[in-house]
Amino acid sequence: LLYKLGLSHPIFGTVAVLCIFYLLNRGYQNVNVFGVDMTFLEGITINDNNELCTKIKHFYDDKVELKPYIDPSNMKVMKLSKYIDNFGYMLKGHEDMEEYSQRVNSHIINCTEESMLDCYVRRPKIDL
C-alpha cells in the first residue's frame, strides 16, 4: 500500500529498479526490460596486492588490465565483501519489484540475453 501511494519505495540500487517502480505505479500491465544483465561479478578478481579489481579487456587488444575497484565513499580500494553486499542490494531491489508486480497484477519480462537476474520471467528473444 505504501508503494502504491508513493510513501515508500524499494531499494533503488540501479536506475532500472526506479524505472520499473515508476511504470508499475503508472499502471502498466506489462513491463519489458532490456539491458539488465547484472553481470557485475563477471571480471572481478583480486590482484597480487590483495586489491579488488575489475579485469579490463578491449576488443582491439589481447592484453588484460587489472583496475582496482575504488569505493566512491572513501576513495580507497573496495573490499570484496562490500562489493558483494552492494550487488545483493541491487538484486534485492529487483526481487522486490517482482513481488510488487504480482501484487498490482502486472508482469515484468526480462528481455535481456545473458542476464544474471533470476527473479523475472525471461524472454530474451522477443520481437518488438
Foldseek 3Di string as FASTA:
>chain_A
DCLLVVNDAAQCLDVVLVVLSVCVSVPAQEAEDEDQQLVPVPQWDADPVRAIWGWDDDPVDPDTDTHFPADPVVRHRDDPVVVVVSSVSNLVSVLVSLVVSVVSNHAYEYLYPNHPRDRHHYDVDDDD
